[in-house]
Every structure is written in C-alpha cells, then in structure tokens.
C-alpha cells in the first residue's frame, strides 16, 4: 500500500479502491458504503487495499 492509497482511503475512499481494483464490485460496494456513512467506506477501503 502506497502513501497515496492510504491518503485517498482516508479522504476519498472510493477513489482509493478505484485506483487499486478498477471499476469492479469492490468499487461499487465502497461507493455505497461511503454514501451511507463515511466510516464504513473508510473501513472497507482499508480492507480492500490490504487484502491480496
């Protein structure tokens, strides 16, 4: 995980996921979670960025 991905995962979670995974299911889930509440979006972004 790069510094840029960490910063994006904190401030704009869907963008961090988009850079790592592209437009996939993970991106859409993260976008929905971020709309529903920022904290779930951040947690999901870190989960996606740290899993291999």
PDB file of N, CA and C in Angstrom:
ATOM      1  N   UNK A   1       0.843  -1.165   0.000  1.00  0.00           N
ATOM      2  CA  UNK A   1       0.000   0.000   0.000  1.00  0.00           C
ATOM      3  C   UNK A   1       0.897   1.240   0.000  1.00  0.00           C
ATOM      4  N   UNK A   2       0.658   2.122  -0.954  1.00  0.00           N
ATOM      5  CA  UNK A   2       1.470   3.325  -1.030  1.00  0.00           C
ATOM      6  C   UNK A   2       0.860   4.436  -0.178  1.00  0.00           C
ATOM      7  N   UNK A   3       1.635   5.475   0.024  1.00  0.00           N
ATOM      8  CA  UNK A   3       1.170   6.632   0.807  1.00  0.00           C
ATOM      9  C   UNK A   3      -0.039   7.270   0.128  1.00  0.00           C
ATOM     10  N   UNK A   4      -0.028   7.360  -1.185  1.00  0.00           N
ATOM     11  CA  UNK A   4      -1.145   7.943  -1.919  1.00  0.00           C
ATOM     12  C   UNK A   4      -2.422   7.144  -1.692  1.00  0.00           C
ATOM     13  N   UNK A   5      -2.332   5.827  -1.727  1.00  0.00           N
ATOM     14  CA  UNK A   5      -3.511   4.990  -1.497  1.00  0.00           C
ATOM     15  C   UNK A   5      -4.045   5.159  -0.077  1.00  0.00           C
ATOM     16  N   UNK A   6      -3.169   5.293   0.898  1.00  0.00           N
ATOM     17  CA  UNK A   6      -3.597   5.492   2.282  1.00  0.00           C
ATOM     18  C   UNK A   6      -4.322   6.822   2.424  1.00  0.00           C
ATOM     19  N   UNK A   7      -3.768   7.875   1.852  1.00  0.00           N
ATOM     20  CA  UNK A   7      -4.391   9.201   1.928  1.00  0.00           C
ATOM     21  C   UNK A   7      -5.749   9.189   1.238  1.00  0.00           C
ATOM     22  N   UNK A   8      -5.832   8.569   0.062  1.00  0.00           N
ATOM     23  CA  UNK A   8      -7.108   8.508  -0.643  1.00  0.00           C
ATOM     24  C   UNK A   8      -8.122   7.659   0.110  1.00  0.00           C
ATOM     25  N   UNK A   9      -7.668   6.578   0.741  1.00  0.00           N
ATOM     26  CA  UNK A   9      -8.584   5.730   1.505  1.00  0.00           C
ATOM     27  C   UNK A   9      -9.178   6.471   2.688  1.00  0.00           C
ATOM     28  N   UNK A  10      -8.465   7.438   3.218  1.00  0.00           N
ATOM     29  CA  UNK A  10      -8.976   8.200   4.356  1.00  0.00           C
ATOM     30  C   UNK A  10      -9.914   9.322   3.891  1.00  0.00           C
ATOM     31  N   UNK A  11      -9.524  10.067   2.874  1.00  0.00           N
ATOM     32  CA  UNK A  11     -10.294  11.239   2.473  1.00  0.00           C
ATOM     33  C   UNK A  11     -11.324  10.961   1.386  1.00  0.00           C
ATOM     34  N   UNK A  12     -11.000  10.089   0.416  1.00  0.00           N
ATOM     35  CA  UNK A  12     -11.926   9.756  -0.669  1.00  0.00           C
ATOM     36  C   UNK A  12     -11.860   8.242  -0.888  1.00  0.00           C
ATOM     37  N   UNK A  13     -12.517   7.474  -0.028  1.00  0.00           N
ATOM     38  CA  UNK A  13     -12.384   6.017  -0.074  1.00  0.00           C
ATOM     39  C   UNK A  13     -12.677   5.373  -1.437  1.00  0.00           C
ATOM     40  N   UNK A  14     -13.739   5.781  -2.166  1.00  0.00           N
ATOM     41  CA  UNK A  14     -13.980   5.116  -3.450  1.00  0.00           C
ATOM     42  C   UNK A  14     -12.851   5.320  -4.469  1.00  0.00           C
ATOM     43  N   UNK A  15     -12.196   6.456  -4.412  1.00  0.00           N
ATOM     44  CA  UNK A  15     -11.102   6.710  -5.345  1.00  0.00           C
ATOM     45  C   UNK A  15      -9.905   5.811  -5.057  1.00  0.00           C
ATOM     46  N   UNK A  16      -9.625   5.577  -3.783  1.00  0.00           N
ATOM     47  CA  UNK A  16      -8.548   4.659  -3.419  1.00  0.00           C
ATOM     48  C   UNK A  16      -8.816   3.255  -3.914  1.00  0.00           C
ATOM     49  N   UNK A  17     -10.064   2.796  -3.777  1.00  0.00           N
ATOM     50  CA  UNK A  17     -10.438   1.461  -4.257  1.00  0.00           C
ATOM     51  C   UNK A  17     -10.411   1.428  -5.780  1.00  0.00           C
ATOM     52  N   UNK A  18     -10.848   2.495  -6.409  1.00  0.00           N
ATOM     53  CA  UNK A  18     -10.856   2.567  -7.866  1.00  0.00           C
ATOM     54  C   UNK A  18      -9.451   2.438  -8.435  1.00  0.00           C
ATOM     55  N   UNK A  19      -8.480   3.095  -7.818  1.00  0.00           N
ATOM     56  CA  UNK A  19      -7.109   3.013  -8.312  1.00  0.00           C
ATOM     57  C   UNK A  19      -6.537   1.603  -8.180  1.00  0.00           C
ATOM     58  N   UNK A  20      -6.918   0.881  -7.132  1.00  0.00           N
ATOM     59  CA  UNK A  20      -6.378  -0.458  -6.910  1.00  0.00           C
ATOM     60  C   UNK A  20      -7.132  -1.520  -7.711  1.00  0.00           C
ATOM     61  N   UNK A  21      -8.464  -1.453  -7.738  1.00  0.00           N
ATOM     62  CA  UNK A  21      -9.278  -2.529  -8.306  1.00  0.00           C
ATOM     63  C   UNK A  21      -9.945  -2.180  -9.630  1.00  0.00           C
ATOM     64  N   UNK A  22     -10.009  -0.901  -9.973  1.00  0.00           N
ATOM     65  CA  UNK A  22     -10.760  -0.513 -11.156  1.00  0.00           C
ATOM     66  C   UNK A  22     -12.248  -0.483 -10.839  1.00  0.00           C
ATOM     67  N   UNK A  23     -13.055  -0.328 -11.887  1.00  0.00           N
ATOM     68  CA  UNK A  23     -14.498  -0.310 -11.676  1.00  0.00           C
ATOM     69  C   UNK A  23     -14.959  -1.761 -11.577  1.00  0.00           C
ATOM     70  N   UNK A  24     -15.086  -2.212 -10.345  1.00  0.00           N
ATOM     71  CA  UNK A  24     -15.493  -3.593 -10.071  1.00  0.00           C
ATOM     72  C   UNK A  24     -16.527  -3.577  -8.960  1.00  0.00           C
ATOM     73  N   UNK A  25     -16.864  -4.754  -8.489  1.00  0.00           N
ATOM     74  CA  UNK A  25     -17.827  -4.858  -7.399  1.00  0.00           C
ATOM     75  C   UNK A  25     -17.336  -4.175  -6.145  1.00  0.00           C
ATOM     76  N   UNK A  26     -16.028  -4.280  -5.873  1.00  0.00           N
ATOM     77  CA  UNK A  26     -15.464  -3.632  -4.683  1.00  0.00           C
ATOM     78  C   UNK A  26     -15.652  -2.124  -4.733  1.00  0.00           C
ATOM     79  N   UNK A  27     -15.495  -1.541  -5.906  1.00  0.00           N
ATOM     80  CA  UNK A  27     -15.679  -0.096  -6.047  1.00  0.00           C
ATOM     81  C   UNK A  27     -17.116   0.301  -5.747  1.00  0.00           C
ATOM     82  N   UNK A  28     -18.076  -0.420  -6.315  1.00  0.00           N
ATOM     83  CA  UNK A  28     -19.485  -0.069  -6.127  1.00  0.00           C
ATOM     84  C   UNK A  28     -19.923  -0.264  -4.685  1.00  0.00           C
ATOM     85  N   UNK A  29     -19.433  -1.328  -4.046  1.00  0.00           N
ATOM     86  CA  UNK A  29     -19.745  -1.546  -2.631  1.00  0.00           C
ATOM     87  C   UNK A  29     -19.187  -0.407  -1.797  1.00  0.00           C
ATOM     88  N   UNK A  30     -17.951  -0.016  -2.091  1.00  0.00           N
ATOM     89  CA  UNK A  30     -17.332   1.066  -1.329  1.00  0.00           C
ATOM     90  C   UNK A  30     -18.060   2.380  -1.553  1.00  0.00           C
ATOM     91  N   UNK A  31     -18.472   2.633  -2.762  1.00  0.00           N
ATOM     92  CA  UNK A  31     -19.212   3.866  -3.054  1.00  0.00           C
ATOM     93  C   UNK A  31     -20.520   3.896  -2.268  1.00  0.00           C
ATOM     94  N   UNK A  32     -21.232   2.786  -2.233  1.00  0.00           N
ATOM     95  CA  UNK A  32     -22.475   2.713  -1.481  1.00  0.00           C
ATOM     96  C   UNK A  32     -22.225   2.902   0.016  1.00  0.00           C
ATOM     97  N   UNK A  33     -21.199   2.234   0.545  1.00  0.00           N
ATOM     98  CA  UNK A  33     -20.882   2.384   1.967  1.00  0.00           C
ATOM     99  C   UNK A  33     -20.472   3.815   2.314  1.00  0.00           C
ATOM    100  N   UNK A  34     -19.756   4.465   1.412  1.00  0.00           N
ATOM    101  CA  UNK A  34     -19.338   5.843   1.657  1.00  0.00           C
ATOM    102  C   UNK A  34     -20.535   6.786   1.629  1.00  0.00           C
ATOM    103  N   UNK A  35     -21.495   6.518   0.758  1.00  0.00           N
ATOM    104  CA  UNK A  35     -22.703   7.345   0.710  1.00  0.00           C
ATOM    105  C   UNK A  35     -23.520   7.157   1.985  1.00  0.00           C
ATOM    106  N   UNK A  36     -23.593   5.918   2.465  1.00  0.00           N
ATOM    107  CA  UNK A  36     -24.371   5.636   3.673  1.00  0.00           C
ATOM    108  C   UNK A  36     -23.696   6.161   4.934  1.00  0.00           C
ATOM    109  N   UNK A  37     -22.381   6.200   4.914  1.00  0.00           N
ATOM    110  CA  UNK A  37     -21.625   6.700   6.057  1.00  0.00           C
ATOM    111  C   UNK A  37     -20.151   6.644   5.735  1.00  0.00           C
ATOM    112  N   UNK A  38     -19.440   7.665   6.047  1.00  0.00           N
ATOM    113  CA  UNK A  38     -18.038   7.755   5.644  1.00  0.00           C
ATOM    114  C   UNK A  38     -17.183   6.698   6.339  1.00  0.00           C
ATOM    115  N   UNK A  39     -17.428   6.432   7.606  1.00  0.00           N
ATOM    116  CA  UNK A  39     -16.596   5.482   8.360  1.00  0.00           C
ATOM    117  C   UNK A  39     -16.661   4.069   7.771  1.00  0.00           C
ATOM    118  N   UNK A  40     -17.855   3.534   7.426  1.00  0.00           N
ATOM    119  CA  UNK A  40     -17.863   2.214   6.783  1.00  0.00           C
ATOM    120  C   UNK A  40     -17.110   2.200   5.455  1.00  0.00           C
ATOM    121  N   UNK A  41     -17.167   3.290   4.717  1.00  0.00           N
ATOM    122  CA  UNK A  41     -16.433   3.387   3.457  1.00  0.00           C
ATOM    123  C   UNK A  41     -14.931   3.350   3.676  1.00  0.00           C
ATOM    124  N   UNK A  42     -14.456   4.019   4.714  1.00  0.00           N
ATOM    125  CA  UNK A  42     -13.024   4.030   5.026  1.00  0.00           C
ATOM    126  C   UNK A  42     -12.571   2.642   5.465  1.00  0.00           C
ATOM    127  N   UNK A  43     -13.368   1.991   6.317  1.00  0.00           N
ATOM    128  CA  UNK A  43     -13.013   0.648   6.776  1.00  0.00           C
ATOM    129  C   UNK A  43     -12.956  -0.323   5.597  1.00  0.00           C
ATOM    130  N   UNK A  44     -13.934  -0.257   4.716  1.00  0.00           N
ATOM    131  CA  UNK A  44     -13.948  -1.140   3.551  1.00  0.00           C
ATOM    132  C   UNK A  44     -12.776  -0.832   2.620  1.00  0.00           C
ATOM    133  N   UNK A  45     -12.439   0.419   2.447  1.00  0.00           N
ATOM    134  CA  UNK A  45     -11.312   0.789   1.590  1.00  0.00           C
ATOM    135  C   UNK A  45     -10.012   0.197   2.124  1.00  0.00           C
ATOM    136  N   UNK A  46      -9.795   0.294   3.430  1.00  0.00           N
ATOM    137  CA  UNK A  46      -8.588  -0.293   4.003  1.00  0.00           C
ATOM    138  C   UNK A  46      -8.599  -1.813   3.874  1.00  0.00           C
ATOM    139  N   UNK A  47      -9.767  -2.420   4.020  1.00  0.00           N
ATOM    140  CA  UNK A  47      -9.868  -3.874   3.849  1.00  0.00           C
ATOM    141  C   UNK A  47      -9.478  -4.274   2.422  1.00  0.00           C
ATOM    142  N   UNK A  48     -10.021  -3.561   1.447  1.00  0.00           N
ATOM    143  CA  UNK A  48      -9.730  -3.888   0.040  1.00  0.00           C
ATOM    144  C   UNK A  48      -8.260  -3.642  -0.275  1.00  0.00           C
ATOM    145  N   UNK A  49      -7.700  -2.559   0.240  1.00  0.00           N
ATOM    146  CA  UNK A  49      -6.317  -2.233  -0.076  1.00  0.00           C
ATOM    147  C   UNK A  49      -5.323  -3.167   0.605  1.00  0.00           C
ATOM    148  N   UNK A  50      -5.699  -3.763   1.724  1.00  0.00           N
ATOM    149  CA  UNK A  50      -4.746  -4.630   2.430  1.00  0.00           C
ATOM    150  C   UNK A  50      -4.873  -6.095   2.056  1.00  0.00           C
ATOM    151  N   UNK A  51      -6.025  -6.522   1.493  1.00  0.00           N
ATOM    152  CA  UNK A  51      -6.132  -7.929   1.115  1.00  0.00           C
ATOM    153  C   UNK A  51      -5.377  -8.175  -0.184  1.00  0.00           C
ATOM    154  N   UNK A  52      -4.892  -9.389  -0.336  1.00  0.00           N
ATOM    155  CA  UNK A  52      -4.100  -9.685  -1.538  1.00  0.00           C
ATOM    156  C   UNK A  52      -4.907 -10.307  -2.592  1.00  0.00           C
TER     157      UNK A  52
END
